[in-house]
């Protein structure tokens, strides 16, 4: 992907699509995973440990806001929403522009 703002963070993924942002919430430090951000995402972005989007570039809303907030951000990640699910433990490497799966939440057997 494209680096919106440098840094790295590890945390639980919280997938929230732009169409579902109204009324959505996340826990502080979770990684916001979305198709793209809009101004409606600002409260979530302030809580997030980092932001990853399927669309956008260095001038996208996500990248600009993350630079202002000082949060790691990677945009334009191909296959993001098909690969990452709520609760997955992921690493965001906004130095190399990579997202790493650490633990798939849905793989837990009970």
PDB file of N, CA and C in Angstrom:
ATOM      1  N   UNK A   1       0.818  -1.198   0.000  1.00  0.00           N
ATOM      2  CA  UNK A   1       0.000   0.000   0.000  1.00  0.00           C
ATOM      3  C   UNK A   1       0.858   1.257   0.000  1.00  0.00           C
ATOM      4  N   UNK A   2       0.184   2.379   0.044  1.00  0.00           N
ATOM      5  CA  UNK A   2       0.842   3.684   0.100  1.00  0.00           C
ATOM      6  C   UNK A   2       0.908   4.152   1.550  1.00  0.00           C
ATOM      7  N   UNK A   3       2.010   4.714   1.928  1.00  0.00           N
ATOM      8  CA  UNK A   3       2.179   5.180   3.301  1.00  0.00           C
ATOM      9  C   UNK A   3       1.514   6.548   3.448  1.00  0.00           C
ATOM     10  N   UNK A   4       0.470   6.594   4.303  1.00  0.00           N
ATOM     11  CA  UNK A   4      -0.216   7.852   4.582  1.00  0.00           C
ATOM     12  C   UNK A   4       0.502   8.645   5.660  1.00  0.00           C
ATOM     13  N   UNK A   5       0.958   7.924   6.692  1.00  0.00           N
ATOM     14  CA  UNK A   5       1.799   8.513   7.736  1.00  0.00           C
ATOM     15  C   UNK A   5       2.626   7.386   8.319  1.00  0.00           C
ATOM     16  N   UNK A   6       3.885   7.642   8.531  1.00  0.00           N
ATOM     17  CA  UNK A   6       4.836   6.611   8.950  1.00  0.00           C
ATOM     18  C   UNK A   6       4.596   6.130  10.382  1.00  0.00           C
ATOM     19  N   UNK A   7       5.151   4.977  10.667  1.00  0.00           N
ATOM     20  CA  UNK A   7       5.069   4.387  12.001  1.00  0.00           C
ATOM     21  C   UNK A   7       4.652   2.939  11.905  1.00  0.00           C
ATOM     22  N   UNK A   8       4.526   2.314  13.047  1.00  0.00           N
ATOM     23  CA  UNK A   8       4.050   0.929  13.078  1.00  0.00           C
ATOM     24  C   UNK A   8       3.230   0.723  14.335  1.00  0.00           C
ATOM     25  N   UNK A   9       2.272  -0.186  14.228  1.00  0.00           N
ATOM     26  CA  UNK A   9       1.385  -0.478  15.344  1.00  0.00           C
ATOM     27  C   UNK A   9       0.842  -1.893  15.162  1.00  0.00           C
ATOM     28  N   UNK A  10       0.590  -2.550  16.275  1.00  0.00           N
ATOM     29  CA  UNK A  10      -0.040  -3.859  16.275  1.00  0.00           C
ATOM     30  C   UNK A  10      -1.314  -3.756  17.093  1.00  0.00           C
ATOM     31  N   UNK A  11      -2.384  -4.358  16.605  1.00  0.00           N
ATOM     32  CA  UNK A  11      -3.639  -4.309  17.350  1.00  0.00           C
ATOM     33  C   UNK A  11      -4.719  -5.133  16.677  1.00  0.00           C
ATOM     34  N   UNK A  12      -5.865  -5.156  17.307  1.00  0.00           N
ATOM     35  CA  UNK A  12      -7.031  -5.861  16.769  1.00  0.00           C
ATOM     36  C   UNK A  12      -7.656  -5.032  15.666  1.00  0.00           C
ATOM     37  N   UNK A  13      -8.013  -5.706  14.585  1.00  0.00           N
ATOM     38  CA  UNK A  13      -8.668  -5.040  13.459  1.00  0.00           C
ATOM     39  C   UNK A  13     -10.134  -4.785  13.780  1.00  0.00           C
ATOM     40  N   UNK A  14     -10.601  -3.618  13.393  1.00  0.00           N
ATOM     41  CA  UNK A  14     -12.026  -3.294  13.480  1.00  0.00           C
ATOM     42  C   UNK A  14     -12.440  -2.841  12.097  1.00  0.00           C
ATOM     43  N   UNK A  15     -13.187  -3.699  11.393  1.00  0.00           N
ATOM     44  CA  UNK A  15     -13.596  -3.419  10.016  1.00  0.00           C
ATOM     45  C   UNK A  15     -14.904  -2.641  10.035  1.00  0.00           C
ATOM     46  N   UNK A  16     -14.858  -1.430   9.473  1.00  0.00           N
ATOM     47  CA  UNK A  16     -16.039  -0.573   9.385  1.00  0.00           C
ATOM     48  C   UNK A  16     -16.041   0.058   7.999  1.00  0.00           C
ATOM     49  N   UNK A  17     -16.982  -0.341   7.181  1.00  0.00           N
ATOM     50  CA  UNK A  17     -17.081   0.225   5.833  1.00  0.00           C
ATOM     51  C   UNK A  17     -17.692   1.628   5.901  1.00  0.00           C
ATOM     52  N   UNK A  18     -17.357   2.455   4.913  1.00  0.00           N
ATOM     53  CA  UNK A  18     -17.841   3.836   4.882  1.00  0.00           C
ATOM     54  C   UNK A  18     -19.359   3.904   4.957  1.00  0.00           C
ATOM     55  N   UNK A  19     -20.045   2.968   4.337  1.00  0.00           N
ATOM     56  CA  UNK A  19     -21.513   2.976   4.345  1.00  0.00           C
ATOM     57  C   UNK A  19     -22.080   2.674   5.725  1.00  0.00           C
ATOM     58  N   UNK A  20     -21.262   2.108   6.624  1.00  0.00           N
ATOM     59  CA  UNK A  20     -21.733   1.701   7.947  1.00  0.00           C
ATOM     60  C   UNK A  20     -21.149   2.538   9.085  1.00  0.00           C
ATOM     61  N   UNK A  21     -20.529   3.662   8.784  1.00  0.00           N
ATOM     62  CA  UNK A  21     -19.810   4.416   9.809  1.00  0.00           C
ATOM     63  C   UNK A  21     -20.730   5.075  10.840  1.00  0.00           C
ATOM     64  N   UNK A  22     -21.909   5.523  10.439  1.00  0.00           N
ATOM     65  CA  UNK A  22     -22.808   6.200  11.376  1.00  0.00           C
ATOM     66  C   UNK A  22     -23.222   5.222  12.472  1.00  0.00           C
ATOM     67  N   UNK A  23     -22.942   5.567  13.696  1.00  0.00           N
ATOM     68  CA  UNK A  23     -23.266   4.725  14.842  1.00  0.00           C
ATOM     69  C   UNK A  23     -22.208   3.684  15.162  1.00  0.00           C
ATOM     70  N   UNK A  24     -21.167   3.576  14.351  1.00  0.00           N
ATOM     71  CA  UNK A  24     -20.105   2.595  14.602  1.00  0.00           C
ATOM     72  C   UNK A  24     -19.183   3.092  15.716  1.00  0.00           C
ATOM     73  N   UNK A  25     -18.493   2.151  16.344  1.00  0.00           N
ATOM     74  CA  UNK A  25     -17.553   2.513  17.399  1.00  0.00           C
ATOM     75  C   UNK A  25     -16.408   1.512  17.404  1.00  0.00           C
ATOM     76  N   UNK A  26     -15.332   1.877  18.043  1.00  0.00           N
ATOM     77  CA  UNK A  26     -14.215   0.964  18.239  1.00  0.00           C
ATOM     78  C   UNK A  26     -13.557   1.266  19.569  1.00  0.00           C
ATOM     79  N   UNK A  27     -12.808   0.297  20.072  1.00  0.00           N
ATOM     80  CA  UNK A  27     -12.095   0.465  21.332  1.00  0.00           C
ATOM     81  C   UNK A  27     -10.802   1.231  21.059  1.00  0.00           C
ATOM     82  N   UNK A  28     -10.372   2.059  21.998  1.00  0.00           N
ATOM     83  CA  UNK A  28      -9.106   2.770  21.804  1.00  0.00           C
ATOM     84  C   UNK A  28      -7.968   1.799  21.492  1.00  0.00           C
ATOM     85  N   UNK A  29      -7.184   2.136  20.477  1.00  0.00           N
ATOM     86  CA  UNK A  29      -6.046   1.316  20.094  1.00  0.00           C
ATOM     87  C   UNK A  29      -6.326   0.288  19.016  1.00  0.00           C
ATOM     88  N   UNK A  30      -7.608   0.004  18.740  1.00  0.00           N
ATOM     89  CA  UNK A  30      -7.909  -0.926  17.652  1.00  0.00           C
ATOM     90  C   UNK A  30      -7.469  -0.299  16.330  1.00  0.00           C
ATOM     91  N   UNK A  31      -7.215  -1.148  15.342  1.00  0.00           N
ATOM     92  CA  UNK A  31      -6.815  -0.678  14.021  1.00  0.00           C
ATOM     93  C   UNK A  31      -8.067  -0.543  13.159  1.00  0.00           C
ATOM     94  N   UNK A  32      -8.334   0.654  12.685  1.00  0.00           N
ATOM     95  CA  UNK A  32      -9.475   0.902  11.821  1.00  0.00           C
ATOM     96  C   UNK A  32      -9.152   0.399  10.414  1.00  0.00           C
ATOM     97  N   UNK A  33      -9.950  -0.547   9.931  1.00  0.00           N
ATOM     98  CA  UNK A  33      -9.799  -1.123   8.596  1.00  0.00           C
ATOM     99  C   UNK A  33     -11.064  -0.783   7.822  1.00  0.00           C
ATOM    100  N   UNK A  34     -10.911  -0.107   6.687  1.00  0.00           N
ATOM    101  CA  UNK A  34     -12.082   0.362   5.952  1.00  0.00           C
ATOM    102  C   UNK A  34     -11.786   0.500   4.470  1.00  0.00           C
ATOM    103  N   UNK A  35     -12.851   0.686   3.699  1.00  0.00           N
ATOM    104  CA  UNK A  35     -12.657   0.928   2.274  1.00  0.00           C
ATOM    105  C   UNK A  35     -12.059   2.310   2.049  1.00  0.00           C
ATOM    106  N   UNK A  36     -12.616   3.311   2.713  1.00  0.00           N
ATOM    107  CA  UNK A  36     -12.107   4.685   2.646  1.00  0.00           C
ATOM    108  C   UNK A  36     -12.694   5.458   3.813  1.00  0.00           C
ATOM    109  N   UNK A  37     -12.089   6.579   4.156  1.00  0.00           N
ATOM    110  CA  UNK A  37     -12.636   7.387   5.239  1.00  0.00           C
ATOM    111  C   UNK A  37     -13.264   8.657   4.684  1.00  0.00           C
ATOM    112  N   UNK A  38     -14.178   9.207   5.489  1.00  0.00           N
ATOM    113  CA  UNK A  38     -14.834  10.480   5.217  1.00  0.00           C
ATOM    114  C   UNK A  38     -14.795  11.260   6.532  1.00  0.00           C
ATOM    115  N   UNK A  39     -15.228  12.509   6.539  1.00  0.00           N
ATOM    116  CA  UNK A  39     -15.234  13.248   7.800  1.00  0.00           C
ATOM    117  C   UNK A  39     -16.026  12.558   8.922  1.00  0.00           C
ATOM    118  N   UNK A  40     -16.998  11.717   8.583  1.00  0.00           N
ATOM    119  CA  UNK A  40     -17.753  10.978   9.604  1.00  0.00           C
ATOM    120  C   UNK A  40     -16.862  10.032  10.413  1.00  0.00           C
ATOM    121  N   UNK A  41     -15.724   9.662   9.891  1.00  0.00           N
ATOM    122  CA  UNK A  41     -14.813   8.741  10.552  1.00  0.00           C
ATOM    123  C   UNK A  41     -13.942   9.407  11.618  1.00  0.00           C
ATOM    124  N   UNK A  42     -13.914  10.720  11.685  1.00  0.00           N
ATOM    125  CA  UNK A  42     -12.981  11.416  12.574  1.00  0.00           C
ATOM    126  C   UNK A  42     -13.013  10.927  14.025  1.00  0.00           C
ATOM    127  N   UNK A  43     -14.183  10.764  14.663  1.00  0.00           N
ATOM    128  CA  UNK A  43     -14.171  10.261  16.043  1.00  0.00           C
ATOM    129  C   UNK A  43     -13.528   8.874  16.172  1.00  0.00           C
ATOM    130  N   UNK A  44     -13.744   8.019  15.175  1.00  0.00           N
ATOM    131  CA  UNK A  44     -13.137   6.684  15.191  1.00  0.00           C
ATOM    132  C   UNK A  44     -11.637   6.767  14.975  1.00  0.00           C
ATOM    133  N   UNK A  45     -11.216   7.624  14.068  1.00  0.00           N
ATOM    134  CA  UNK A  45      -9.796   7.771  13.777  1.00  0.00           C
ATOM    135  C   UNK A  45      -9.035   8.304  14.981  1.00  0.00           C
ATOM    136  N   UNK A  46      -9.677   9.144  15.771  1.00  0.00           N
ATOM    137  CA  UNK A  46      -9.028   9.670  16.968  1.00  0.00           C
ATOM    138  C   UNK A  46      -8.787   8.570  18.002  1.00  0.00           C
ATOM    139  N   UNK A  47      -9.655   7.566  18.073  1.00  0.00           N
ATOM    140  CA  UNK A  47      -9.514   6.444  19.004  1.00  0.00           C
ATOM    141  C   UNK A  47      -8.564   5.367  18.489  1.00  0.00           C
ATOM    142  N   UNK A  48      -8.469   5.246  17.169  1.00  0.00           N
ATOM    143  CA  UNK A  48      -7.735   4.139  16.545  1.00  0.00           C
ATOM    144  C   UNK A  48      -6.238   4.223  16.805  1.00  0.00           C
ATOM    145  N   UNK A  49      -5.619   3.045  16.861  1.00  0.00           N
ATOM    146  CA  UNK A  49      -4.163   2.987  16.961  1.00  0.00           C
ATOM    147  C   UNK A  49      -3.511   3.221  15.612  1.00  0.00           C
ATOM    148  N   UNK A  50      -4.241   2.953  14.544  1.00  0.00           N
ATOM    149  CA  UNK A  50      -3.771   3.141  13.182  1.00  0.00           C
ATOM    150  C   UNK A  50      -4.932   2.960  12.228  1.00  0.00           C
ATOM    151  N   UNK A  51      -4.717   3.323  10.968  1.00  0.00           N
ATOM    152  CA  UNK A  51      -5.780   3.268   9.964  1.00  0.00           C
ATOM    153  C   UNK A  51      -5.235   2.598   8.704  1.00  0.00           C
ATOM    154  N   UNK A  52      -6.042   1.682   8.156  1.00  0.00           N
ATOM    155  CA  UNK A  52      -5.700   1.003   6.906  1.00  0.00           C
ATOM    156  C   UNK A  52      -6.916   1.085   5.992  1.00  0.00           C
ATOM    157  N   UNK A  53      -6.700   1.505   4.735  1.00  0.00           N
ATOM    158  CA  UNK A  53      -7.807   1.624   3.796  1.00  0.00           C
ATOM    159  C   UNK A  53      -7.532   0.841   2.510  1.00  0.00           C
ATOM    160  N   UNK A  54      -8.605   0.417   1.869  1.00  0.00           N
ATOM    161  CA  UNK A  54      -8.502  -0.297   0.601  1.00  0.00           C
ATOM    162  C   UNK A  54      -8.281   0.670  -0.564  1.00  0.00           C
ATOM    163  N   UNK A  55      -8.692   1.906  -0.402  1.00  0.00           N
ATOM    164  CA  UNK A  55      -8.588   2.911  -1.453  1.00  0.00           C
ATOM    165  C   UNK A  55      -7.786   4.100  -0.953  1.00  0.00           C
ATOM    166  N   UNK A  56      -7.391   4.951  -1.872  1.00  0.00           N
ATOM    167  CA  UNK A  56      -6.761   6.207  -1.499  1.00  0.00           C
ATOM    168  C   UNK A  56      -5.273   6.242  -1.759  1.00  0.00           C
ATOM    169  N   UNK A  57      -4.698   7.360  -1.422  1.00  0.00           N
ATOM    170  CA  UNK A  57      -3.278   7.606  -1.611  1.00  0.00           C
ATOM    171  C   UNK A  57      -2.796   8.622  -0.600  1.00  0.00           C
ATOM    172  N   UNK A  58      -1.679   9.253  -0.883  1.00  0.00           N
ATOM    173  CA  UNK A  58      -1.092  10.165   0.096  1.00  0.00           C
ATOM    174  C   UNK A  58      -1.899  11.451   0.281  1.00  0.00           C
ATOM    175  N   UNK A  59      -2.812  11.734  -0.634  1.00  0.00           N
ATOM    176  CA  UNK A  59      -3.661  12.918  -0.485  1.00  0.00           C
ATOM    177  C   UNK A  59      -5.092  12.564  -0.116  1.00  0.00           C
ATOM    178  N   UNK A  60      -5.326  11.315   0.254  1.00  0.00           N
ATOM    179  CA  UNK A  60      -6.675  10.903   0.649  1.00  0.00           C
ATOM    180  C   UNK A  60      -7.011  11.443   2.033  1.00  0.00           C
ATOM    181  N   UNK A  61      -8.294  11.423   2.345  1.00  0.00           N
ATOM    182  CA  UNK A  61      -8.763  11.873   3.651  1.00  0.00           C
ATOM    183  C   UNK A  61      -8.045  11.128   4.773  1.00  0.00           C
ATOM    184  N   UNK A  62      -7.949   9.807   4.665  1.00  0.00           N
ATOM    185  CA  UNK A  62      -7.307   9.004   5.710  1.00  0.00           C
ATOM    186  C   UNK A  62      -5.866   9.442   5.940  1.00  0.00           C
ATOM    187  N   UNK A  63      -5.110   9.616   4.877  1.00  0.00           N
ATOM    188  CA  UNK A  63      -3.702   9.990   4.996  1.00  0.00           C
ATOM    189  C   UNK A  63      -3.535  11.375   5.617  1.00  0.00           C
ATOM    190  N   UNK A  64      -4.332  12.317   5.167  1.00  0.00           N
ATOM    191  CA  UNK A  64      -4.223  13.689   5.685  1.00  0.00           C
ATOM    192  C   UNK A  64      -4.568  13.736   7.169  1.00  0.00           C
ATOM    193  N   UNK A  65      -5.674  13.105   7.560  1.00  0.00           N
ATOM    194  CA  UNK A  65      -6.094  13.119   8.959  1.00  0.00           C
ATOM    195  C   UNK A  65      -5.074  12.382   9.833  1.00  0.00           C
ATOM    196  N   UNK A  66      -4.566  11.250   9.369  1.00  0.00           N
ATOM    197  CA  UNK A  66      -3.583  10.502  10.154  1.00  0.00           C
ATOM    198  C   UNK A  66      -2.300  11.289  10.338  1.00  0.00           C
ATOM    199  N   UNK A  67      -1.895  12.057   9.348  1.00  0.00           N
ATOM    200  CA  UNK A  67      -0.717  12.920   9.525  1.00  0.00           C
ATOM    201  C   UNK A  67      -0.987  13.945  10.619  1.00  0.00           C
ATOM    202  N   UNK A  68      -2.185  14.507  10.633  1.00  0.00           N
ATOM    203  CA  UNK A  68      -2.538  15.485  11.670  1.00  0.00           C
ATOM    204  C   UNK A  68      -2.586  14.849  13.057  1.00  0.00           C
ATOM    205  N   UNK A  69      -3.078  13.603  13.123  1.00  0.00           N
ATOM    206  CA  UNK A  69      -3.217  12.906  14.405  1.00  0.00           C
ATOM    207  C   UNK A  69      -1.947  12.166  14.826  1.00  0.00           C
ATOM    208  N   UNK A  70      -0.996  12.019  13.900  1.00  0.00           N
ATOM    209  CA  UNK A  70       0.229  11.289  14.203  1.00  0.00           C
ATOM    210  C   UNK A  70       0.017   9.785  14.314  1.00  0.00           C
ATOM    211  N   UNK A  71      -0.912   9.241  13.520  1.00  0.00           N
ATOM    212  CA  UNK A  71      -1.243   7.813  13.577  1.00  0.00           C
ATOM    213  C   UNK A  71      -0.733   7.098  12.337  1.00  0.00           C
ATOM    214  N   UNK A  72      -0.161   5.892  12.495  1.00  0.00           N
ATOM    215  CA  UNK A  72       0.270   5.130  11.321  1.00  0.00           C
ATOM    216  C   UNK A  72      -0.899   4.867  10.381  1.00  0.00           C
ATOM    217  N   UNK A  73      -0.625   4.999   9.086  1.00  0.00           N
ATOM    218  CA  UNK A  73      -1.688   4.844   8.089  1.00  0.00           C
ATOM    219  C   UNK A  73      -1.111   4.252   6.809  1.00  0.00           C
ATOM    220  N   UNK A  74      -1.791   3.237   6.293  1.00  0.00           N
ATOM    221  CA  UNK A  74      -1.459   2.668   4.989  1.00  0.00           C
ATOM    222  C   UNK A  74      -2.739   2.677   4.165  1.00  0.00           C
ATOM    223  N   UNK A  75      -2.661   3.238   2.970  1.00  0.00           N
ATOM    224  CA  UNK A  75      -3.820   3.319   2.083  1.00  0.00           C
ATOM    225  C   UNK A  75      -3.590   2.464   0.837  1.00  0.00           C
ATOM    226  N   UNK A  76      -4.659   2.250   0.088  1.00  0.00           N
ATOM    227  CA  UNK A  76      -4.612   1.544  -1.191  1.00  0.00           C
ATOM    228  C   UNK A  76      -4.049   0.124  -1.052  1.00  0.00           C
ATOM    229  N   UNK A  77      -4.540  -0.600  -0.038  1.00  0.00           N
ATOM    230  CA  UNK A  77      -4.097  -1.975   0.205  1.00  0.00           C
ATOM    231  C   UNK A  77      -4.989  -2.922  -0.578  1.00  0.00           C
ATOM    232  N   UNK A  78      -4.419  -3.561  -1.562  1.00  0.00           N
ATOM    233  CA  UNK A  78      -5.175  -4.471  -2.427  1.00  0.00           C
ATOM    234  C   UNK A  78      -5.639  -5.704  -1.647  1.00  0.00           C
ATOM    235  N   UNK A  79      -6.902  -6.092  -1.809  1.00  0.00           N
ATOM    236  CA  UNK A  79      -7.453  -7.275  -1.155  1.00  0.00           C
ATOM    237  C   UNK A  79      -7.683  -7.124   0.335  1.00  0.00           C
ATOM    238  N   UNK A  80      -7.633  -5.906   0.835  1.00  0.00           N
ATOM    239  CA  UNK A  80      -7.735  -5.657   2.274  1.00  0.00           C
ATOM    240  C   UNK A  80      -9.014  -6.208   2.887  1.00  0.00           C
ATOM    241  N   UNK A  81     -10.149  -5.825   2.338  1.00  0.00           N
ATOM    242  CA  UNK A  81     -11.419  -6.189   2.961  1.00  0.00           C
ATOM    243  C   UNK A  81     -11.783  -7.655   2.777  1.00  0.00           C
ATOM    244  N   UNK A  82     -11.128  -8.322   1.856  1.00  0.00           N
ATOM    245  CA  UNK A  82     -11.326  -9.755   1.690  1.00  0.00           C
ATOM    246  C   UNK A  82     -10.411 -10.552   2.626  1.00  0.00           C
ATOM    247  N   UNK A  83      -9.341  -9.933   3.085  1.00  0.00           N
ATOM    248  CA  UNK A  83      -8.324 -10.639   3.872  1.00  0.00           C
ATOM    249  C   UNK A  83      -8.400 -10.401   5.373  1.00  0.00           C
ATOM    250  N   UNK A  84      -8.821  -9.221   5.790  1.00  0.00           N
ATOM    251  CA  UNK A  84      -8.827  -8.852   7.209  1.00  0.00           C
ATOM    252  C   UNK A  84     -10.260  -8.853   7.718  1.00  0.00           C
ATOM    253  N   UNK A  85     -10.466  -9.456   8.906  1.00  0.00           N
ATOM    254  CA  UNK A  85     -11.790  -9.535   9.522  1.00  0.00           C
ATOM    255  C   UNK A  85     -11.745  -8.928  10.922  1.00  0.00           C
ATOM    256  N   UNK A  86     -12.915  -8.535  11.423  1.00  0.00           N
ATOM    257  CA  UNK A  86     -13.014  -8.032  12.795  1.00  0.00           C
ATOM    258  C   UNK A  86     -12.311  -8.977  13.763  1.00  0.00           C
ATOM    259  N   UNK A  87     -11.504  -8.412  14.643  1.00  0.00           N
ATOM    260  CA  UNK A  87     -10.869  -9.195  15.685  1.00  0.00           C
ATOM    261  C   UNK A  87      -9.528  -9.783  15.319  1.00  0.00           C
ATOM    262  N   UNK A  88      -9.172  -9.800  14.027  1.00  0.00           N
ATOM    263  CA  UNK A  88      -7.854 -10.304  13.639  1.00  0.00           C
ATOM    264  C   UNK A  88      -6.779  -9.430  14.277  1.00  0.00           C
ATOM    265  N   UNK A  89      -5.719 -10.043  14.727  1.00  0.00           N
ATOM    266  CA  UNK A  89      -4.577  -9.299  15.250  1.00  0.00           C
ATOM    267  C   UNK A  89      -3.655  -9.016  14.063  1.00  0.00           C
ATOM    268  N   UNK A  90      -3.442  -7.728  13.781  1.00  0.00           N
ATOM    269  CA  UNK A  90      -2.641  -7.355  12.621  1.00  0.00           C
ATOM    270  C   UNK A  90      -1.530  -6.388  13.021  1.00  0.00           C
ATOM    271  N   UNK A  91      -0.508  -6.377  12.200  1.00  0.00           N
ATOM    272  CA  UNK A  91       0.566  -5.408  12.340  1.00  0.00           C
ATOM    273  C   UNK A  91       0.519  -4.459  11.156  1.00  0.00           C
ATOM    274  N   UNK A  92       0.556  -3.177  11.438  1.00  0.00           N
ATOM    275  CA  UNK A  92       0.564  -2.158  10.390  1.00  0.00           C
ATOM    276  C   UNK A  92       1.981  -1.598  10.327  1.00  0.00           C
ATOM    277  N   UNK A  93       2.645  -1.837   9.222  1.00  0.00           N
ATOM    278  CA  UNK A  93       3.999  -1.336   8.998  1.00  0.00           C
ATOM    279  C   UNK A  93       3.897  -0.193   8.000  1.00  0.00           C
ATOM    280  N   UNK A  94       3.772   1.010   8.541  1.00  0.00           N
ATOM    281  CA  UNK A  94       3.638   2.190   7.689  1.00  0.00           C
ATOM    282  C   UNK A  94       5.008   2.801   7.406  1.00  0.00           C
ATOM    283  N   UNK A  95       6.014   1.948   7.387  1.00  0.00           N
ATOM    284  CA  UNK A  95       7.338   2.315   6.892  1.00  0.00           C
ATOM    285  C   UNK A  95       7.548   1.611   5.557  1.00  0.00           C
ATOM    286  N   UNK A  96       7.143   0.343   5.501  1.00  0.00           N
ATOM    287  CA  UNK A  96       7.243  -0.451   4.277  1.00  0.00           C
ATOM    288  C   UNK A  96       5.928  -0.476   3.491  1.00  0.00           C
ATOM    289  N   UNK A  97       4.829  -0.017   4.105  1.00  0.00           N
ATOM    290  CA  UNK A  97       3.520  -0.045   3.441  1.00  0.00           C
ATOM    291  C   UNK A  97       2.906  -1.426   3.425  1.00  0.00           C
ATOM    292  N   UNK A  98       3.094  -2.180   4.528  1.00  0.00           N
ATOM    293  CA  UNK A  98       2.614  -3.559   4.596  1.00  0.00           C
ATOM    294  C   UNK A  98       1.704  -3.783   5.790  1.00  0.00           C
ATOM    295  N   UNK A  99       0.766  -4.715   5.613  1.00  0.00           N
ATOM    296  CA  UNK A  99      -0.106  -5.165   6.687  1.00  0.00           C
ATOM    297  C   UNK A  99       0.205  -6.634   6.905  1.00  0.00           C
ATOM    298  N   UNK A 100       0.453  -7.011   8.142  1.00  0.00           N
ATOM    299  CA  UNK A 100       0.816  -8.395   8.439  1.00  0.00           C
ATOM    300  C   UNK A 100      -0.225  -9.028   9.345  1.00  0.00           C
ATOM    301  N   UNK A 101      -0.696 -10.208   8.935  1.00  0.00           N
ATOM    302  CA  UNK A 101      -1.622 -10.974   9.761  1.00  0.00           C
ATOM    303  C   UNK A 101      -0.817 -11.659  10.855  1.00  0.00           C
ATOM    304  N   UNK A 102      -1.180 -11.415  12.102  1.00  0.00           N
ATOM    305  CA  UNK A 102      -0.496 -12.044  13.220  1.00  0.00           C
ATOM    306  C   UNK A 102      -1.328 -13.204  13.755  1.00  0.00           C
ATOM    307  N   UNK A 103      -2.629 -12.962  13.873  1.00  0.00           N
ATOM    308  CA  UNK A 103      -3.520 -14.009  14.393  1.00  0.00           C
ATOM    309  C   UNK A 103      -4.906 -13.805  13.824  1.00  0.00           C
ATOM    310  N   UNK A 104      -5.466 -14.851  13.230  1.00  0.00           N
ATOM    311  CA  UNK A 104      -6.807 -14.775  12.669  1.00  0.00           C
ATOM    312  C   UNK A 104      -7.815 -15.148  13.754  1.00  0.00           C
ATOM    313  N   UNK A 105      -8.629 -14.215  14.159  1.00  0.00           N
ATOM    314  CA  UNK A 105      -9.625 -14.423  15.206  1.00  0.00           C
ATOM    315  C   UNK A 105     -10.555 -15.572  14.873  1.00  0.00           C
ATOM    316  N   UNK A 106     -10.954 -15.671  13.619  1.00  0.00           N
ATOM    317  CA  UNK A 106     -11.927 -16.693  13.227  1.00  0.00           C
ATOM    318  C   UNK A 106     -11.342 -18.109  13.216  1.00  0.00           C
ATOM    319  N   UNK A 107     -10.025 -18.232  13.421  1.00  0.00           N
ATOM    320  CA  UNK A 107      -9.414 -19.563  13.405  1.00  0.00           C
ATOM    321  C   UNK A 107      -9.445 -20.243  14.763  1.00  0.00           C
ATOM    322  N   UNK A 108      -9.981 -19.565  15.755  1.00  0.00           N
ATOM    323  CA  UNK A 108     -10.048 -20.142  17.100  1.00  0.00           C
ATOM    324  C   UNK A 108     -11.164 -21.178  17.153  1.00  0.00           C
ATOM    325  N   UNK A 109     -10.834 -22.355  17.605  1.00  0.00           N
ATOM    326  CA  UNK A 109     -11.838 -23.414  17.751  1.00  0.00           C
ATOM    327  C   UNK A 109     -12.257 -23.498  19.214  1.00  0.00           C
ATOM    328  N   UNK A 110     -13.533 -23.674  19.436  1.00  0.00           N
ATOM    329  CA  UNK A 110     -14.036 -23.762  20.823  1.00  0.00           C
ATOM    330  C   UNK A 110     -14.838 -25.022  20.976  1.00  0.00           C
TER     331      UNK A 110
END
